[in-house]
Amino acid sequence: MLSESIYRLVRYGMDTGLTPECEKNYTINLLLELFKEDDYREPEESGTQPDLEAILKALLDEAVARGIISDGIVYRDLFDTKLMNCLIPRPSQVQREFWKQYEKSPEEATQYFYRLSQDSDYIRRYRIKKDRKWVVESDYGNIDITINLSKPEKDPKAIAAAKNVKTAGYPKCQLCAENEGYAGRIDHPARENHRVIPITINDSPWGFQYSPYVYYNEHCIVFNQKHTPMKIDRETFVKLFDFIKLFPHYFIGSNADLPIVGGSILSHDHFQGGHYTFAMARAPIERSVTIPGFEDVEVGIVKWPLSVLRIRHRDDKRLTELAVHVLEAWRRYTDEAAFIFAETDGEPHNTITPIARMRDGLFELDLTLRNNITTEEHPLGVYHPHAQYHHIKKENIGLIEVMGLAVLPSRLKEELELLEEYILEGKDVASNEKIEKHAAWVAEFLPKYERIDRENIKEILQKEVGIVFIHVLEDAGVYKCTEEGREAFMRFVETL
């Protein structure tokens, strides 16, 4: 049984191009060592296409049966990553092939690397496909909604064991370069099958990799090789454009550098990008404006729930100069009438979420104005999802949400399924502790629909979830999409 499973895994490696035919015996022996097995008998060819998820399950079951690992998702993930590392090329080989493909085109290079990141099981395709995804129409365009189910929850045994594990300081975080090839531990994911492409941006060493959770097509992460805090400044804009010059078919953006509006790991300087067009990128200019001293730069307010200035020019240096001008002005800007405060008690509140791309031969930069002020009424943030929407989305609105993709918590899968049942059967939603948080929401939207049955209940719930997310984005906008809000936005623009 073990021989057959090992053979099937190695066959998968050769079929996908991860493992050269000439390394077949070498790879088999690496896998036998992991199972502390000396014997191997090659099975007959089955002719069936290898199913990676099924092959790994069989091997993990064998590892549990032999007492090599404990049975639990964390232990299984640590071990199957070790198995996959036996199949895939070393970092230097991956880097050589990447740049070889890059000579053909940047697209060829990223396609190669993205496919390898999936074939190696660093991106677990069989988990990603479990994510729930749909699109909701809105006044701002089609908004993407996803319920994230691909990131496994730790099992209780692993959580208990982690309490007894001495905290390690290596790698410093999950974005550090030292993660490449790291075996992992109970409180840190295995990254033995992880590969990074070194790149240079702003004359400094950075790394290019893909996100293992892939919220959108070719979802990549670009990180500073040095563990240093995030900061939005002139250098940020230079780095963004340097990346776009390397990969003009990708967009790239940064989370904001303040808590609440950051929505990410603020301790390590990094960006996120990919080969995808978000609703925000498709949103039109609502009002063109002219900035003195930058009359040659296209500038406009974007029709979007968050407050976005879009600037365009064929010279990235001109955009960098204007972006710095906007950032510095926004950092110190206060408008009490619009409840915008640059700082309170010495704590800064204003920052920017920037997103860069190439379009029609021009560099384009979206500057999303952010503010993280809190009040007694809104202790999690005035420009944060308000309490009435926390039953759907309570987490910070980071870069991905800013651009129009809702990444919703996995709990909603079960909650929406329960809501379907309760609504169709006329049960009291408030009577179930798992979904009572949704009771007021359901009572509000049900009267809108003349007919609710098994054929349309899922579509109705998806639509209403989308409407909530749009309200969440509107909450995050420092200037609302109203006449009063646009007047206040223009007051800031006029200071530029």
Protein backbone atom coordinates (compact mmCIF):
# COMPACT_ATOMS: atom_id res chain seq x y z
CA MET A 1 0.00 0.00 0.00
CA LEU A 2 2.78 2.45 0.94
CA SER A 3 4.76 1.55 -2.20
CA GLU A 4 1.73 2.25 -4.36
CA SER A 5 1.03 5.62 -2.72
CA ILE A 6 4.67 6.69 -3.00
CA TYR A 7 4.76 5.64 -6.64
CA ARG A 8 1.57 7.58 -7.38
CA LEU A 9 2.99 10.72 -5.72
CA VAL A 10 6.23 10.48 -7.69
CA ARG A 11 4.19 9.85 -10.85
CA TYR A 12 2.26 13.06 -10.06
CA GLY A 13 5.57 14.91 -9.71
CA MET A 14 6.79 13.68 -13.08
CA ASP A 15 3.48 14.34 -14.84
CA THR A 16 3.39 17.95 -13.64
CA GLY A 17 7.04 18.58 -14.42
CA LEU A 18 7.98 19.10 -10.77
CA THR A 19 10.19 15.99 -10.79
CA PRO A 20 12.47 15.08 -13.72
CA GLU A 21 12.25 11.45 -14.90
CA CYS A 22 15.94 11.05 -14.07
CA GLU A 23 15.20 11.81 -10.38
CA LYS A 24 12.50 9.14 -10.00
CA ASN A 25 14.54 6.73 -7.85
CA TYR A 26 16.08 9.54 -5.84
CA THR A 27 12.62 10.95 -5.02
CA ILE A 28 11.23 7.52 -4.10
CA ASN A 29 14.11 7.05 -1.67
CA LEU A 30 13.55 10.45 -0.07
CA LEU A 31 9.92 9.51 0.57
CA LEU A 32 10.81 6.06 1.93
CA GLU A 33 13.14 7.73 4.43
CA LEU A 34 10.30 9.92 5.73
CA PHE A 35 8.27 6.77 6.44
CA LYS A 36 11.30 4.95 7.93
CA GLU A 37 10.70 2.23 5.37
CA ASP A 38 13.45 0.14 3.73
CA ASP A 39 11.34 -1.92 1.34
CA TYR A 40 9.75 -0.79 -1.94
CA ARG A 41 7.98 -2.70 -4.70
CA GLU A 42 6.92 -0.68 -7.70
CA PRO A 43 3.28 -1.30 -8.62
CA GLU A 44 1.96 -1.69 -12.14
CA GLU A 45 0.96 1.43 -14.05
CA SER A 46 -2.75 2.14 -13.50
CA GLY A 47 -3.11 4.63 -16.35
CA THR A 48 -5.35 6.87 -14.21
CA GLN A 49 -4.63 10.56 -13.69
CA PRO A 50 -3.03 11.07 -10.26
CA ASP A 51 -5.33 12.82 -7.76
CA LEU A 52 -3.03 14.74 -5.42
CA GLU A 53 -5.56 15.17 -2.61
CA ALA A 54 -6.34 11.41 -2.58
CA ILE A 55 -2.65 10.45 -2.81
CA LEU A 56 -1.69 12.71 0.10
CA LYS A 57 -4.60 11.46 2.20
CA ALA A 58 -3.45 7.87 1.75
CA LEU A 59 0.12 8.78 2.69
CA LEU A 60 -0.99 10.83 5.70
CA ASP A 61 -3.24 8.01 6.90
CA GLU A 62 -0.22 5.71 6.66
CA ALA A 63 1.93 8.16 8.63
CA VAL A 64 -0.73 8.30 11.37
CA ALA A 65 -1.04 4.49 11.42
CA ARG A 66 2.73 4.14 11.80
CA GLY A 67 2.81 6.68 14.64
CA ILE A 68 4.98 9.08 12.65
CA ILE A 69 2.51 11.94 13.15
CA SER A 70 -0.52 12.64 15.33
CA ASP A 71 -3.89 12.70 13.63
CA GLY A 72 -5.02 16.31 13.16
CA ILE A 73 -5.10 18.93 10.42
CA VAL A 74 -2.06 20.82 11.75
CA TYR A 75 0.12 17.71 11.98
CA ARG A 76 -1.06 16.48 8.59
CA ASP A 77 -0.30 19.83 6.96
CA LEU A 78 3.19 19.85 8.46
CA PHE A 79 3.91 16.37 7.14
CA ASP A 80 2.36 16.59 3.66
CA THR A 81 4.43 19.73 3.05
CA LYS A 82 7.50 17.67 3.87
CA LEU A 83 6.32 15.03 1.38
CA MET A 84 5.83 17.60 -1.39
CA ASN A 85 9.28 19.08 -0.81
CA CYS A 86 10.74 15.75 -1.96
CA LEU A 87 9.24 16.38 -5.42
CA ILE A 88 9.97 20.00 -6.19
CA PRO A 89 13.08 21.80 -7.47
CA ARG A 90 15.43 23.64 -5.16
CA PRO A 91 15.07 27.46 -4.97
CA SER A 92 17.98 28.17 -7.32
CA GLN A 93 16.46 25.92 -10.01
CA VAL A 94 13.09 27.66 -9.71
CA GLN A 95 14.74 31.08 -9.92
CA ARG A 96 16.75 30.11 -13.01
CA GLU A 97 13.62 28.83 -14.78
CA PHE A 98 11.63 31.90 -13.79
CA TRP A 99 14.11 34.33 -15.33
CA LYS A 100 14.51 32.09 -18.37
CA GLN A 101 10.75 32.38 -18.90
CA TYR A 102 10.94 36.12 -18.16
CA GLU A 103 13.20 36.55 -21.21
CA LYS A 104 10.18 35.49 -23.28
CA SER A 105 7.81 37.79 -21.37
CA PRO A 106 6.84 38.73 -17.80
CA GLU A 107 3.55 36.87 -18.36
CA GLU A 108 5.39 33.63 -19.24
CA ALA A 109 7.44 33.94 -16.03
CA THR A 110 4.49 34.52 -13.72
CA GLN A 111 2.44 31.77 -15.39
CA TYR A 112 5.29 29.33 -14.79
CA PHE A 113 5.73 30.36 -11.16
CA TYR A 114 2.00 30.39 -10.39
CA ARG A 115 1.55 26.92 -11.87
CA LEU A 116 4.52 25.61 -9.86
CA SER A 117 3.10 27.16 -6.67
CA GLN A 118 -0.11 25.19 -7.28
CA ASP A 119 1.43 21.93 -8.49
CA SER A 120 3.73 21.92 -5.44
CA ASP A 121 0.65 22.10 -3.20
CA TYR A 122 1.86 25.34 -1.64
CA ILE A 123 -1.43 26.63 -3.03
CA ARG A 124 -3.81 23.80 -2.18
CA ARG A 125 -6.18 23.76 -5.16
CA TYR A 126 -8.53 21.26 -3.54
CA ARG A 127 -9.08 23.64 -0.61
CA ILE A 128 -9.30 26.83 -2.65
CA LYS A 129 -12.15 25.40 -4.73
CA LYS A 130 -14.21 25.04 -1.54
CA ASP A 131 -14.35 28.83 -1.13
CA ARG A 132 -17.80 30.27 -1.80
CA LYS A 133 -17.72 33.02 -4.44
CA TRP A 134 -20.35 35.17 -6.11
CA VAL A 135 -20.82 38.59 -7.67
CA VAL A 136 -23.31 41.27 -6.61
CA GLU A 137 -24.41 44.19 -8.77
CA SER A 138 -24.21 47.65 -7.21
CA ASP A 139 -24.18 51.34 -8.10
CA TYR A 140 -20.39 51.04 -8.03
CA GLY A 141 -20.18 48.08 -10.41
CA ASN A 142 -20.02 44.33 -9.82
CA ILE A 143 -18.67 43.56 -6.34
CA ASP A 144 -16.88 40.26 -5.62
CA ILE A 145 -17.91 38.29 -2.53
CA THR A 146 -16.05 35.28 -1.14
CA ILE A 147 -16.41 33.21 2.01
CA ASN A 148 -12.94 31.98 2.84
CA LEU A 149 -13.00 28.21 3.51
CA SER A 150 -9.49 27.34 2.29
CA LYS A 151 -7.64 28.36 5.44
CA PRO A 152 -8.05 25.42 7.86
CA GLU A 153 -8.99 26.04 11.46
CA LYS A 154 -6.65 24.52 14.01
CA ASP A 155 -7.90 21.43 15.77
CA PRO A 156 -8.29 21.54 19.58
CA LYS A 157 -5.38 19.14 20.20
CA ALA A 158 -2.98 21.36 18.27
CA ILE A 159 -4.23 24.49 20.06
CA ALA A 160 -3.66 22.80 23.43
CA ALA A 161 -0.21 21.58 22.38
CA ALA A 162 0.79 25.02 21.14
CA LYS A 163 0.33 26.43 24.65
CA ASN A 164 3.14 24.21 25.85
CA VAL A 165 5.50 25.05 22.99
CA LYS A 166 8.24 27.54 23.73
CA THR A 167 7.68 30.63 21.59
CA ALA A 168 10.25 30.78 18.81
CA GLY A 169 11.56 33.96 17.23
CA TYR A 170 12.41 32.33 13.90
CA PRO A 171 11.12 33.21 11.41
CA LYS A 172 10.10 36.54 12.90
CA CYS A 173 6.78 36.44 11.00
CA GLN A 174 5.05 34.58 8.17
CA LEU A 175 6.27 37.14 5.63
CA CYS A 176 9.98 36.78 6.35
CA ALA A 177 12.35 35.44 3.69
CA GLU A 178 13.43 32.76 6.15
CA ASN A 179 10.11 30.97 5.65
CA GLU A 180 11.34 29.48 2.35
CA GLY A 181 11.93 25.79 3.10
CA TYR A 182 11.02 26.10 6.81
CA ALA A 183 9.60 22.87 8.24
CA GLY A 184 7.06 24.69 10.39
CA ARG A 185 5.75 23.90 13.83
CA ILE A 186 2.43 23.71 15.62
CA ASP A 187 2.13 27.50 15.79
CA HIS A 188 3.74 28.29 12.42
CA PRO A 189 2.79 26.82 9.02
CA ALA A 190 5.19 24.58 7.13
CA ARG A 191 6.81 26.21 4.13
CA GLU A 192 9.13 23.46 2.82
CA ASN A 193 7.33 23.53 -0.54
CA HIS A 194 7.46 27.34 -0.66
CA ARG A 195 9.62 29.11 -3.24
CA VAL A 196 10.47 32.82 -3.54
CA ILE A 197 11.76 34.83 -6.51
CA PRO A 198 14.27 37.50 -5.39
CA ILE A 199 13.63 40.86 -7.09
CA THR A 200 15.09 44.34 -6.73
CA ILE A 201 12.81 47.32 -6.21
CA ASN A 202 13.93 50.75 -5.06
CA ASP A 203 17.52 49.41 -5.21
CA SER A 204 16.82 47.03 -2.34
CA PRO A 205 16.28 43.25 -2.08
CA TRP A 206 12.66 42.09 -2.04
CA GLY A 207 10.92 38.78 -2.57
CA PHE A 208 8.08 37.81 -4.93
CA GLN A 209 5.78 34.92 -4.01
CA TYR A 210 2.13 33.87 -4.19
CA SER A 211 -0.39 33.83 -1.38
CA PRO A 212 -1.28 30.26 -0.36
CA TYR A 213 -4.93 31.31 0.00
CA VAL A 214 -5.43 32.94 -3.44
CA TYR A 215 -8.35 35.33 -2.93
CA TYR A 216 -8.17 36.24 -6.64
CA ASN A 217 -6.23 35.21 -9.75
CA GLU A 218 -2.44 35.09 -9.27
CA HIS A 219 -2.71 36.71 -5.84
CA CYS A 220 0.91 37.57 -5.10
CA ILE A 221 2.82 38.99 -2.15
CA VAL A 222 5.88 41.18 -2.54
CA PHE A 223 7.89 41.54 0.66
CA ASN A 224 10.96 43.28 1.95
CA GLN A 225 13.78 40.77 2.50
CA LYS A 226 14.44 42.65 5.73
CA HIS A 227 11.93 42.37 8.58
CA THR A 228 11.02 46.04 8.83
CA PRO A 229 7.68 47.77 9.64
CA MET A 230 5.30 48.95 6.95
CA LYS A 231 5.33 52.65 6.17
CA ILE A 232 3.58 54.72 3.51
CA ASP A 233 6.00 57.36 2.20
CA ARG A 234 7.81 58.44 -0.97
CA GLU A 235 9.74 55.17 -1.10
CA THR A 236 6.45 53.25 -1.11
CA PHE A 237 5.36 54.81 -4.38
CA VAL A 238 8.79 54.22 -5.94
CA LYS A 239 8.61 50.54 -4.96
CA LEU A 240 5.11 50.15 -6.37
CA PHE A 241 6.13 51.58 -9.74
CA ASP A 242 9.38 49.59 -9.83
CA PHE A 243 7.30 46.44 -9.47
CA ILE A 244 4.88 47.53 -12.19
CA LYS A 245 7.83 48.09 -14.53
CA LEU A 246 8.91 44.49 -13.88
CA PHE A 247 5.40 43.05 -14.21
CA PRO A 248 3.23 45.50 -16.17
CA HIS A 249 0.38 42.96 -16.43
CA TYR A 250 -0.05 42.97 -12.64
CA PHE A 251 -1.50 45.53 -10.24
CA ILE A 252 0.15 46.08 -6.86
CA GLY A 253 -1.02 47.86 -3.73
CA SER A 254 -0.24 48.43 -0.10
CA ASN A 255 -2.33 48.27 3.00
CA ALA A 256 -2.34 51.44 5.04
CA ASP A 257 0.31 51.83 7.72
CA LEU A 258 -1.97 52.52 10.70
CA PRO A 259 -3.96 50.13 12.91
CA ILE A 260 -7.67 49.60 12.10
CA VAL A 261 -7.28 50.74 8.47
CA GLY A 262 -4.20 48.55 7.99
CA GLY A 263 -5.98 45.23 7.77
CA SER A 264 -2.69 43.35 7.56
CA ILE A 265 0.66 42.51 9.14
CA LEU A 266 2.02 45.97 9.94
CA SER A 267 5.30 44.62 11.34
CA HIS A 268 6.68 43.58 7.94
CA ASP A 269 6.86 45.84 4.90
CA HIS A 270 5.00 44.17 2.02
CA PHE A 271 2.55 44.64 -0.83
CA GLN A 272 -0.11 42.52 -2.49
CA GLY A 273 -0.76 42.28 -6.19
CA GLY A 274 -1.87 39.97 -8.94
CA HIS A 275 -3.40 39.45 -12.35
CA TYR A 276 -6.95 40.56 -11.67
CA THR A 277 -9.17 43.57 -12.35
CA PHE A 278 -11.21 44.62 -9.34
CA ALA A 279 -14.42 46.66 -9.37
CA MET A 280 -12.48 49.65 -8.07
CA ALA A 281 -10.14 49.57 -11.09
CA ARG A 282 -13.18 49.47 -13.40
CA ALA A 283 -14.88 52.37 -11.57
CA PRO A 284 -15.02 55.58 -13.64
CA ILE A 285 -13.82 59.06 -12.77
CA GLU A 286 -16.74 60.96 -11.25
CA ARG A 287 -15.09 64.39 -11.34
CA SER A 288 -11.85 65.50 -12.95
CA VAL A 289 -9.73 68.02 -11.04
CA THR A 290 -6.53 69.96 -11.65
CA ILE A 291 -3.73 70.19 -9.11
CA PRO A 292 -1.58 73.35 -9.40
CA GLY A 293 1.94 72.46 -10.43
CA PHE A 294 0.69 69.12 -11.79
CA GLU A 295 -1.48 70.33 -14.65
CA ASP A 296 0.07 67.66 -16.89
CA VAL A 297 -1.20 64.85 -14.64
CA GLU A 298 -4.71 63.43 -15.05
CA VAL A 299 -6.45 63.61 -11.67
CA GLY A 300 -9.98 62.63 -10.73
CA ILE A 301 -12.28 61.55 -7.92
CA VAL A 302 -13.33 57.94 -8.50
CA LYS A 303 -16.97 56.87 -8.29
CA TRP A 304 -16.38 54.49 -5.40
CA PRO A 305 -17.69 54.11 -1.83
CA LEU A 306 -14.26 54.81 -0.37
CA SER A 307 -12.63 58.17 -1.04
CA VAL A 308 -10.21 57.69 -3.94
CA LEU A 309 -8.10 60.08 -6.02
CA ARG A 310 -6.90 58.50 -9.28
CA ILE A 311 -3.80 59.98 -10.90
CA ARG A 312 -2.43 59.04 -14.35
CA HIS A 313 0.71 59.91 -16.34
CA ARG A 314 3.21 58.24 -18.63
CA ASP A 315 6.05 59.28 -16.28
CA ASP A 316 5.97 57.40 -12.96
CA LYS A 317 8.23 60.03 -11.37
CA ARG A 318 5.55 62.69 -11.90
CA LEU A 319 3.01 60.45 -10.22
CA THR A 320 5.41 59.80 -7.33
CA GLU A 321 5.84 63.56 -6.79
CA LEU A 322 2.09 64.15 -6.82
CA ALA A 323 1.40 61.13 -4.59
CA VAL A 324 3.88 62.46 -2.02
CA HIS A 325 2.19 65.88 -2.22
CA VAL A 326 -1.24 64.31 -1.59
CA LEU A 327 0.05 62.06 1.20
CA GLU A 328 1.81 64.87 3.07
CA ALA A 329 -1.24 67.14 2.75
CA TRP A 330 -3.59 64.40 3.94
CA ARG A 331 -1.37 63.46 6.90
CA ARG A 332 -1.79 66.96 8.35
CA TYR A 333 -5.34 67.67 7.15
CA THR A 334 -8.17 68.41 9.60
CA ASP A 335 -11.76 69.29 8.73
CA GLU A 336 -13.87 69.25 11.88
CA ALA A 337 -17.09 69.78 9.91
CA ALA A 338 -16.42 66.50 8.05
CA PHE A 339 -15.12 64.80 11.23
CA ILE A 340 -11.62 64.45 9.81
CA PHE A 341 -8.86 64.90 12.37
CA ALA A 342 -5.19 64.56 11.48
CA GLU A 343 -4.44 63.61 15.08
CA THR A 344 -5.89 63.52 18.58
CA ASP A 345 -3.72 63.53 21.70
CA GLY A 346 -0.65 63.10 19.52
CA GLU A 347 -1.97 59.99 17.78
CA PRO A 348 -1.96 60.29 13.95
CA HIS A 349 -5.12 59.23 12.09
CA ASN A 350 -4.68 60.01 8.39
CA THR A 351 -2.95 57.74 5.90
CA ILE A 352 -3.38 56.32 2.41
CA THR A 353 -3.97 52.91 0.80
CA PRO A 354 -2.24 53.14 -2.63
CA ILE A 355 -2.81 50.84 -5.64
CA ALA A 356 -0.68 51.02 -8.81
CA ARG A 357 -1.21 49.58 -12.30
CA MET A 358 -0.48 50.18 -15.99
CA ARG A 359 -3.41 51.03 -18.23
CA ASP A 360 -3.42 52.07 -21.88
CA GLY A 361 0.31 52.75 -21.76
CA LEU A 362 0.04 55.05 -18.73
CA PHE A 363 1.01 54.54 -15.10
CA GLU A 364 -2.05 54.80 -12.86
CA LEU A 365 -2.17 55.22 -9.10
CA ASP A 366 -5.27 55.12 -6.90
CA LEU A 367 -4.83 56.96 -3.60
CA THR A 368 -7.47 55.85 -1.09
CA LEU A 369 -7.80 58.28 1.81
CA ARG A 370 -8.02 56.50 5.18
CA ASN A 371 -8.61 57.61 8.77
CA ASN A 372 -8.57 55.41 11.88
CA ILE A 373 -10.16 57.70 14.49
CA THR A 374 -12.39 56.02 17.11
CA THR A 375 -15.23 57.31 19.30
CA GLU A 376 -17.36 55.93 22.10
CA GLU A 377 -20.09 55.21 19.55
CA HIS A 378 -17.61 53.54 17.18
CA PRO A 379 -14.81 52.09 19.36
CA LEU A 380 -13.49 49.98 16.45
CA GLY A 381 -13.28 52.97 14.15
CA VAL A 382 -15.57 55.64 12.73
CA TYR A 383 -14.45 54.68 9.19
CA HIS A 384 -14.72 50.96 9.88
CA PRO A 385 -17.68 48.55 9.48
CA HIS A 386 -20.32 49.88 11.88
CA ALA A 387 -21.78 47.62 14.56
CA GLN A 388 -25.02 46.97 12.65
CA TYR A 389 -22.98 45.13 9.98
CA HIS A 390 -20.69 43.14 12.27
CA HIS A 391 -22.90 40.07 11.90
CA ILE A 392 -21.50 39.85 8.35
CA LYS A 393 -18.17 41.71 8.47
CA LYS A 394 -16.40 42.95 11.59
CA GLU A 395 -12.79 42.65 10.46
CA ASN A 396 -10.66 45.54 9.20
CA ILE A 397 -11.14 46.81 5.66
CA GLY A 398 -7.74 46.19 4.14
CA LEU A 399 -6.36 46.47 0.62
CA ILE A 400 -8.38 43.63 -0.90
CA GLU A 401 -11.70 44.87 0.48
CA VAL A 402 -10.84 48.45 -0.50
CA MET A 403 -10.63 47.30 -4.13
CA GLY A 404 -14.05 45.63 -3.99
CA LEU A 405 -13.58 42.02 -2.90
CA ALA A 406 -15.25 40.96 0.34
CA VAL A 407 -13.26 38.30 2.20
CA LEU A 408 -15.87 37.05 4.65
CA PRO A 409 -15.32 34.70 7.61
CA SER A 410 -15.87 30.94 7.21
CA ARG A 411 -18.59 30.94 9.91
CA LEU A 412 -20.97 32.46 7.36
CA LYS A 413 -21.17 29.23 5.35
CA GLU A 414 -22.98 27.42 8.15
CA GLU A 415 -24.90 30.52 9.23
CA LEU A 416 -26.29 31.18 5.74
CA GLU A 417 -27.29 27.52 5.38
CA LEU A 418 -29.13 27.72 8.70
CA LEU A 419 -30.80 30.96 7.61
CA GLU A 420 -32.07 29.27 4.46
CA GLU A 421 -33.72 26.58 6.58
CA TYR A 422 -35.17 28.97 9.16
CA ILE A 423 -36.55 31.40 6.59
CA LEU A 424 -38.14 28.69 4.43
CA GLU A 425 -39.69 26.95 7.42
CA GLY A 426 -40.81 30.18 9.09
CA LYS A 427 -38.74 29.56 12.23
CA ASP A 428 -37.66 32.30 14.60
CA VAL A 429 -34.09 33.24 13.61
CA ALA A 430 -33.50 34.74 17.05
CA SER A 431 -34.16 31.37 18.70
CA ASN A 432 -30.89 29.87 17.43
CA GLU A 433 -27.74 31.22 19.10
CA LYS A 434 -25.68 30.56 15.95
CA ILE A 435 -27.76 32.91 13.82
CA GLU A 436 -29.56 35.20 16.29
CA LYS A 437 -27.08 37.95 15.34
CA HIS A 438 -28.76 38.00 11.89
CA ALA A 439 -32.35 38.35 13.16
CA ALA A 440 -32.74 42.12 12.72
CA TRP A 441 -31.13 41.97 9.27
CA VAL A 442 -33.46 39.20 8.10
CA ALA A 443 -36.52 41.01 9.46
CA GLU A 444 -35.44 44.11 7.52
CA PHE A 445 -34.94 42.53 4.09
CA LEU A 446 -37.66 39.83 4.02
CA PRO A 447 -40.54 42.24 3.24
CA LYS A 448 -38.75 43.27 0.02
CA TYR A 449 -39.49 39.92 -1.59
CA GLU A 450 -42.94 38.75 -2.69
CA ARG A 451 -41.77 35.18 -3.20
CA ILE A 452 -39.12 33.29 -1.26
CA ASP A 453 -38.71 29.57 -1.92
CA ARG A 454 -36.01 26.93 -2.34
CA GLU A 455 -35.32 28.12 -5.86
CA ASN A 456 -34.37 31.68 -4.93
CA ILE A 457 -33.46 31.69 -1.21
CA LYS A 458 -29.71 31.24 -1.82
CA GLU A 459 -29.65 34.00 -4.42
CA ILE A 460 -31.57 36.34 -2.10
CA LEU A 461 -29.18 35.75 0.79
CA GLN A 462 -26.15 36.24 -1.45
CA LYS A 463 -27.60 39.49 -2.79
CA GLU A 464 -28.35 40.77 0.73
CA VAL A 465 -24.85 39.84 1.96
CA GLY A 466 -23.49 41.87 -0.95
CA ILE A 467 -25.65 44.85 -0.02
CA VAL A 468 -24.27 44.69 3.53
CA PHE A 469 -20.70 44.63 2.21
CA ILE A 470 -21.38 47.70 0.06
CA HIS A 471 -22.62 49.49 3.20
CA VAL A 472 -19.42 48.35 4.94
CA LEU A 473 -17.36 49.96 2.17
CA GLU A 474 -19.43 53.13 2.49
CA ASP A 475 -18.72 53.15 6.23
CA ALA A 476 -14.99 52.99 5.43
CA GLY A 477 -15.17 56.02 3.14
CA VAL A 478 -13.99 59.17 4.88
CA TYR A 479 -16.14 61.19 2.46
CA LYS A 480 -19.57 59.80 1.68
CA CYS A 481 -21.01 59.60 -1.84
CA THR A 482 -23.46 62.40 -1.13
CA GLU A 483 -23.54 66.04 -2.15
CA GLU A 484 -22.29 67.04 1.30
CA GLY A 485 -19.58 64.37 1.22
CA ARG A 486 -18.34 65.40 -2.21
CA GLU A 487 -18.21 69.05 -1.13
CA ALA A 488 -16.06 68.04 1.82
CA PHE A 489 -13.83 65.94 -0.46
CA MET A 490 -13.34 68.94 -2.72
CA ARG A 491 -12.37 71.08 0.30
CA PHE A 492 -9.41 68.77 0.78
CA VAL A 493 -8.57 68.66 -2.94
CA GLU A 494 -8.54 72.45 -3.03
CA THR A 495 -5.81 72.49 -0.36
CA LEU A 496 -3.56 70.65 -2.81
